[in-house]
Amino acid sequence: MNKTTNVLLLVIAVALVAIALEPLMRPRPARAQVMTDFSLYFEPGVFLLRAPDGTSQIYGKVAVDMRTGKIWGFPTYGQQPYPVDVASTKPPTSRPIALGRFALEDTDR
């Protein structure tokens, strides 16, 4: 019994040492910023969004896709920072409207 206990304690000790040495042997790189699939920047505040063809105007949030430079407007249906539909008890979903594009690639000139 004593020999079995000593062998099990030795196995546990070796496993703990291996776990402790692994970060020293192969450290993980530090990541200050992680790019996600949706790298959108939302402009603070609510703006009057105008459709590019001039057919409609509506209040909403402005977002810029930092990868492509595309500018999107998300209607909020009023001056509040999120979509509200007073005629319904279900939370509304705001679908984006294409407003334009910033030529981000031209900044490398």
N, C-alpha and C. Protein backbone atom coordinates (compact mmCIF):
# COMPACT_ATOMS: atom_id res chain seq x y z
N MET A 1 0.83 -1.18 0.00
CA MET A 1 0.00 0.00 0.00
C MET A 1 0.87 1.25 0.00
N ASN A 2 1.91 1.26 0.84
CA ASN A 2 2.80 2.41 0.93
C ASN A 2 3.53 2.64 -0.39
N LYS A 3 3.94 1.57 -1.06
CA LYS A 3 4.64 1.68 -2.33
C LYS A 3 3.70 2.24 -3.41
N THR A 4 2.44 1.81 -3.43
CA THR A 4 1.45 2.29 -4.39
C THR A 4 1.19 3.78 -4.18
N THR A 5 1.07 4.20 -2.95
CA THR A 5 0.84 5.61 -2.64
C THR A 5 2.01 6.46 -3.11
N ASN A 6 3.24 5.98 -2.86
CA ASN A 6 4.42 6.73 -3.30
C ASN A 6 4.49 6.84 -4.82
N VAL A 7 4.14 5.78 -5.53
CA VAL A 7 4.15 5.82 -7.00
C VAL A 7 3.10 6.81 -7.51
N LEU A 8 1.89 6.78 -6.92
CA LEU A 8 0.85 7.72 -7.34
C LEU A 8 1.24 9.16 -7.05
N LEU A 9 1.85 9.41 -5.90
CA LEU A 9 2.31 10.76 -5.57
C LEU A 9 3.41 11.22 -6.53
N LEU A 10 4.29 10.30 -6.92
CA LEU A 10 5.33 10.63 -7.89
C LEU A 10 4.73 10.99 -9.24
N VAL A 11 3.74 10.23 -9.68
CA VAL A 11 3.07 10.52 -10.96
C VAL A 11 2.39 11.88 -10.91
N ILE A 12 1.74 12.18 -9.79
CA ILE A 12 1.07 13.47 -9.64
C ILE A 12 2.10 14.60 -9.65
N ALA A 13 3.21 14.41 -8.95
CA ALA A 13 4.26 15.44 -8.89
C ALA A 13 4.85 15.69 -10.27
N VAL A 14 5.12 14.63 -11.03
CA VAL A 14 5.67 14.78 -12.39
C VAL A 14 4.67 15.50 -13.29
N ALA A 15 3.40 15.18 -13.17
CA ALA A 15 2.38 15.84 -13.98
C ALA A 15 2.28 17.33 -13.64
N LEU A 16 2.35 17.67 -12.36
CA LEU A 16 2.31 19.08 -11.96
C LEU A 16 3.52 19.85 -12.45
N VAL A 17 4.68 19.23 -12.41
CA VAL A 17 5.89 19.88 -12.93
C VAL A 17 5.75 20.09 -14.43
N ALA A 18 5.22 19.13 -15.15
CA ALA A 18 5.03 19.27 -16.60
C ALA A 18 4.05 20.40 -16.91
N ILE A 19 2.99 20.51 -16.12
CA ILE A 19 2.02 21.59 -16.33
C ILE A 19 2.66 22.94 -16.03
N ALA A 20 3.49 23.01 -15.00
CA ALA A 20 4.12 24.27 -14.62
C ALA A 20 5.20 24.69 -15.63
N LEU A 21 5.90 23.74 -16.24
CA LEU A 21 6.98 24.07 -17.17
C LEU A 21 6.48 24.38 -18.58
N GLU A 22 5.31 23.95 -18.93
CA GLU A 22 4.80 24.13 -20.30
C GLU A 22 4.74 25.60 -20.72
N PRO A 23 4.22 26.54 -19.88
CA PRO A 23 4.23 27.96 -20.29
C PRO A 23 5.63 28.54 -20.41
N LEU A 24 6.59 27.99 -19.66
CA LEU A 24 7.96 28.49 -19.75
C LEU A 24 8.64 28.01 -21.03
N MET A 25 8.33 26.81 -21.45
CA MET A 25 8.94 26.25 -22.66
C MET A 25 8.31 26.80 -23.94
N ARG A 26 6.99 26.98 -23.93
CA ARG A 26 6.26 27.49 -25.09
C ARG A 26 5.32 28.60 -24.66
N PRO A 27 5.83 29.82 -24.44
CA PRO A 27 4.94 30.90 -24.00
C PRO A 27 3.98 31.31 -25.12
N ARG A 28 2.80 31.70 -24.73
CA ARG A 28 1.80 32.15 -25.71
C ARG A 28 2.07 33.61 -26.04
N PRO A 29 1.85 34.01 -27.29
CA PRO A 29 2.08 35.42 -27.64
C PRO A 29 1.02 36.32 -27.00
N ALA A 30 1.44 37.52 -26.60
CA ALA A 30 0.50 38.50 -26.05
C ALA A 30 -0.29 39.12 -27.19
N ARG A 31 -1.57 39.32 -26.98
CA ARG A 31 -2.43 39.91 -28.00
C ARG A 31 -3.13 41.13 -27.39
N ALA A 32 -2.69 42.30 -27.82
CA ALA A 32 -3.28 43.52 -27.29
C ALA A 32 -4.65 43.77 -27.89
N GLN A 33 -4.82 43.46 -29.17
CA GLN A 33 -6.10 43.64 -29.84
C GLN A 33 -6.40 42.39 -30.64
N VAL A 34 -7.64 41.98 -30.56
CA VAL A 34 -8.08 40.83 -31.31
C VAL A 34 -9.10 41.32 -32.33
N MET A 35 -8.81 41.12 -33.61
CA MET A 35 -9.75 41.51 -34.65
C MET A 35 -10.85 40.46 -34.73
N THR A 36 -12.07 40.92 -34.72
CA THR A 36 -13.20 40.00 -34.81
C THR A 36 -13.73 40.02 -36.23
N ASP A 37 -14.68 39.16 -36.49
CA ASP A 37 -15.30 39.12 -37.81
C ASP A 37 -16.08 40.40 -38.09
N PHE A 38 -16.56 41.05 -37.05
CA PHE A 38 -17.34 42.27 -37.20
C PHE A 38 -16.56 43.42 -36.58
N SER A 39 -15.66 44.02 -37.36
CA SER A 39 -14.86 45.12 -36.85
C SER A 39 -15.54 46.44 -37.21
N LEU A 40 -16.64 46.72 -36.53
CA LEU A 40 -17.40 47.94 -36.78
C LEU A 40 -17.11 48.98 -35.71
N TYR A 41 -16.99 50.23 -36.15
CA TYR A 41 -16.88 51.35 -35.23
C TYR A 41 -18.20 52.10 -35.27
N PHE A 42 -18.87 52.22 -34.13
CA PHE A 42 -20.13 52.94 -34.06
C PHE A 42 -19.86 54.37 -33.59
N GLU A 43 -20.26 55.32 -34.40
CA GLU A 43 -20.11 56.74 -34.07
C GLU A 43 -21.03 57.06 -32.89
N PRO A 44 -20.52 57.77 -31.89
CA PRO A 44 -21.38 58.13 -30.76
C PRO A 44 -22.51 59.06 -31.21
N GLY A 45 -23.66 58.88 -30.64
CA GLY A 45 -24.80 59.74 -30.95
C GLY A 45 -25.71 59.14 -32.01
N VAL A 46 -26.78 59.87 -32.27
CA VAL A 46 -27.78 59.47 -33.27
C VAL A 46 -27.84 60.56 -34.32
N PHE A 47 -27.92 60.17 -35.58
CA PHE A 47 -27.88 61.12 -36.69
C PHE A 47 -29.08 60.92 -37.60
N LEU A 48 -29.40 61.94 -38.36
CA LEU A 48 -30.42 61.83 -39.39
C LEU A 48 -29.77 61.18 -40.60
N LEU A 49 -30.16 59.94 -40.88
CA LEU A 49 -29.59 59.18 -41.98
C LEU A 49 -30.36 59.50 -43.26
N ARG A 50 -29.63 59.75 -44.32
CA ARG A 50 -30.26 60.00 -45.62
C ARG A 50 -29.84 58.89 -46.57
N ALA A 51 -30.81 58.27 -47.20
CA ALA A 51 -30.51 57.25 -48.19
C ALA A 51 -29.75 57.91 -49.34
N PRO A 52 -28.74 57.22 -49.92
CA PRO A 52 -27.96 57.82 -51.01
C PRO A 52 -28.81 58.27 -52.20
N ASP A 53 -29.93 57.59 -52.45
CA ASP A 53 -30.77 57.99 -53.57
C ASP A 53 -31.74 59.12 -53.20
N GLY A 54 -31.70 59.57 -51.95
CA GLY A 54 -32.52 60.69 -51.51
C GLY A 54 -33.98 60.37 -51.27
N THR A 55 -34.35 59.09 -51.23
CA THR A 55 -35.76 58.71 -51.09
C THR A 55 -36.25 58.72 -49.65
N SER A 56 -35.34 58.66 -48.68
CA SER A 56 -35.81 58.60 -47.30
C SER A 56 -34.80 59.22 -46.34
N GLN A 57 -35.32 59.64 -45.19
CA GLN A 57 -34.51 60.14 -44.08
C GLN A 57 -35.07 59.51 -42.81
N ILE A 58 -34.17 59.06 -41.95
CA ILE A 58 -34.59 58.43 -40.70
C ILE A 58 -33.46 58.56 -39.69
N TYR A 59 -33.81 58.66 -38.42
CA TYR A 59 -32.79 58.73 -37.38
C TYR A 59 -32.16 57.35 -37.17
N GLY A 60 -30.86 57.37 -36.85
CA GLY A 60 -30.19 56.11 -36.60
C GLY A 60 -28.75 56.28 -36.20
N LYS A 61 -28.09 55.15 -35.99
CA LYS A 61 -26.68 55.09 -35.62
C LYS A 61 -25.84 54.90 -36.88
N VAL A 62 -24.65 55.47 -36.90
CA VAL A 62 -23.72 55.33 -38.02
C VAL A 62 -22.60 54.40 -37.60
N ALA A 63 -22.29 53.42 -38.46
CA ALA A 63 -21.21 52.48 -38.19
C ALA A 63 -20.28 52.45 -39.40
N VAL A 64 -18.98 52.30 -39.12
CA VAL A 64 -17.97 52.20 -40.18
C VAL A 64 -17.30 50.84 -40.05
N ASP A 65 -17.26 50.09 -41.16
CA ASP A 65 -16.54 48.83 -41.19
C ASP A 65 -15.07 49.18 -41.35
N MET A 66 -14.26 48.92 -40.33
CA MET A 66 -12.87 49.34 -40.32
C MET A 66 -12.00 48.51 -41.26
N ARG A 67 -12.52 47.41 -41.79
CA ARG A 67 -11.76 46.61 -42.75
C ARG A 67 -11.95 47.13 -44.16
N THR A 68 -13.17 47.51 -44.51
CA THR A 68 -13.49 47.87 -45.89
C THR A 68 -13.75 49.36 -46.09
N GLY A 69 -14.04 50.09 -45.02
CA GLY A 69 -14.37 51.50 -45.14
C GLY A 69 -15.83 51.77 -45.45
N LYS A 70 -16.64 50.73 -45.57
CA LYS A 70 -18.06 50.92 -45.85
C LYS A 70 -18.76 51.57 -44.66
N ILE A 71 -19.66 52.50 -44.96
CA ILE A 71 -20.40 53.23 -43.93
C ILE A 71 -21.83 52.73 -43.95
N TRP A 72 -22.33 52.35 -42.79
CA TRP A 72 -23.67 51.80 -42.66
C TRP A 72 -24.48 52.66 -41.69
N GLY A 73 -25.76 52.75 -41.96
CA GLY A 73 -26.68 53.40 -41.04
C GLY A 73 -27.66 52.37 -40.50
N PHE A 74 -27.82 52.35 -39.19
CA PHE A 74 -28.76 51.44 -38.55
C PHE A 74 -29.92 52.27 -37.98
N PRO A 75 -31.10 52.20 -38.60
CA PRO A 75 -32.23 53.02 -38.14
C PRO A 75 -32.63 52.69 -36.70
N THR A 76 -32.92 53.76 -35.94
CA THR A 76 -33.43 53.60 -34.58
C THR A 76 -34.87 54.10 -34.48
N TYR A 77 -35.38 54.70 -35.55
CA TYR A 77 -36.77 55.17 -35.66
C TYR A 77 -37.06 56.31 -34.68
N GLY A 78 -36.03 56.99 -34.23
CA GLY A 78 -36.18 58.12 -33.32
C GLY A 78 -34.81 58.53 -32.82
N GLN A 79 -34.75 59.44 -31.87
CA GLN A 79 -33.46 59.94 -31.40
C GLN A 79 -32.88 59.15 -30.25
N GLN A 80 -33.43 58.00 -29.93
CA GLN A 80 -32.87 57.13 -28.91
C GLN A 80 -31.75 56.29 -29.54
N PRO A 81 -30.80 55.78 -28.74
CA PRO A 81 -29.64 55.08 -29.30
C PRO A 81 -29.88 53.64 -29.73
N TYR A 82 -31.08 53.15 -29.63
CA TYR A 82 -31.39 51.77 -30.04
C TYR A 82 -32.77 51.78 -30.70
N PRO A 83 -33.07 50.77 -31.53
CA PRO A 83 -34.36 50.77 -32.24
C PRO A 83 -35.54 50.57 -31.30
N VAL A 84 -36.59 51.37 -31.49
CA VAL A 84 -37.79 51.29 -30.68
C VAL A 84 -39.00 51.32 -31.60
N ASP A 85 -39.94 50.40 -31.37
CA ASP A 85 -41.21 50.39 -32.09
C ASP A 85 -42.31 50.39 -31.03
N VAL A 86 -42.94 51.55 -30.84
CA VAL A 86 -43.95 51.68 -29.78
C VAL A 86 -45.23 50.92 -30.10
N ALA A 87 -45.41 50.51 -31.35
CA ALA A 87 -46.62 49.80 -31.74
C ALA A 87 -46.52 48.29 -31.50
N SER A 88 -45.35 47.82 -31.07
CA SER A 88 -45.15 46.38 -30.90
C SER A 88 -44.51 46.10 -29.55
N THR A 89 -44.80 44.93 -29.00
CA THR A 89 -44.18 44.52 -27.73
C THR A 89 -42.88 43.76 -27.97
N LYS A 90 -42.63 43.36 -29.22
CA LYS A 90 -41.39 42.65 -29.55
C LYS A 90 -40.29 43.66 -29.86
N PRO A 91 -39.05 43.39 -29.44
CA PRO A 91 -37.95 44.30 -29.78
C PRO A 91 -37.70 44.29 -31.29
N PRO A 92 -37.60 45.46 -31.91
CA PRO A 92 -37.37 45.51 -33.35
C PRO A 92 -35.91 45.20 -33.71
N THR A 93 -35.71 44.78 -34.95
CA THR A 93 -34.38 44.55 -35.49
C THR A 93 -34.08 45.63 -36.50
N SER A 94 -32.96 46.29 -36.33
CA SER A 94 -32.56 47.36 -37.23
C SER A 94 -31.68 46.78 -38.34
N ARG A 95 -32.10 46.92 -39.57
CA ARG A 95 -31.34 46.42 -40.73
C ARG A 95 -30.49 47.56 -41.28
N PRO A 96 -29.22 47.29 -41.64
CA PRO A 96 -28.34 48.36 -42.09
C PRO A 96 -28.71 48.91 -43.47
N ILE A 97 -28.43 50.20 -43.63
CA ILE A 97 -28.60 50.90 -44.90
C ILE A 97 -27.21 51.32 -45.34
N ALA A 98 -26.82 51.00 -46.57
CA ALA A 98 -25.51 51.42 -47.09
C ALA A 98 -25.54 52.92 -47.34
N LEU A 99 -24.62 53.66 -46.70
CA LEU A 99 -24.59 55.11 -46.83
C LEU A 99 -23.43 55.60 -47.69
N GLY A 100 -22.36 54.85 -47.77
CA GLY A 100 -21.20 55.27 -48.55
C GLY A 100 -19.99 54.46 -48.18
N ARG A 101 -18.81 55.01 -48.51
CA ARG A 101 -17.57 54.28 -48.23
C ARG A 101 -16.43 55.27 -48.06
N PHE A 102 -15.58 55.01 -47.08
CA PHE A 102 -14.32 55.73 -46.93
C PHE A 102 -13.24 54.93 -47.66
N ALA A 103 -12.43 55.58 -48.47
CA ALA A 103 -11.35 54.91 -49.20
C ALA A 103 -10.15 54.77 -48.27
N LEU A 104 -10.20 53.83 -47.36
CA LEU A 104 -9.14 53.64 -46.37
C LEU A 104 -7.81 53.27 -47.02
N GLU A 105 -7.87 52.62 -48.17
CA GLU A 105 -6.62 52.21 -48.84
C GLU A 105 -5.84 53.41 -49.34
N ASP A 106 -6.47 54.56 -49.53
CA ASP A 106 -5.77 55.77 -49.98
C ASP A 106 -4.94 56.41 -48.89
N THR A 107 -5.11 55.99 -47.65
CA THR A 107 -4.33 56.58 -46.56
C THR A 107 -2.88 56.09 -46.55
N ASP A 108 -2.56 55.07 -47.35
CA ASP A 108 -1.20 54.53 -47.40
C ASP A 108 -0.33 55.28 -48.40
N ARG A 109 -0.86 56.26 -49.07
CA ARG A 109 -0.09 56.98 -50.11
C ARG A 109 0.95 57.88 -49.51
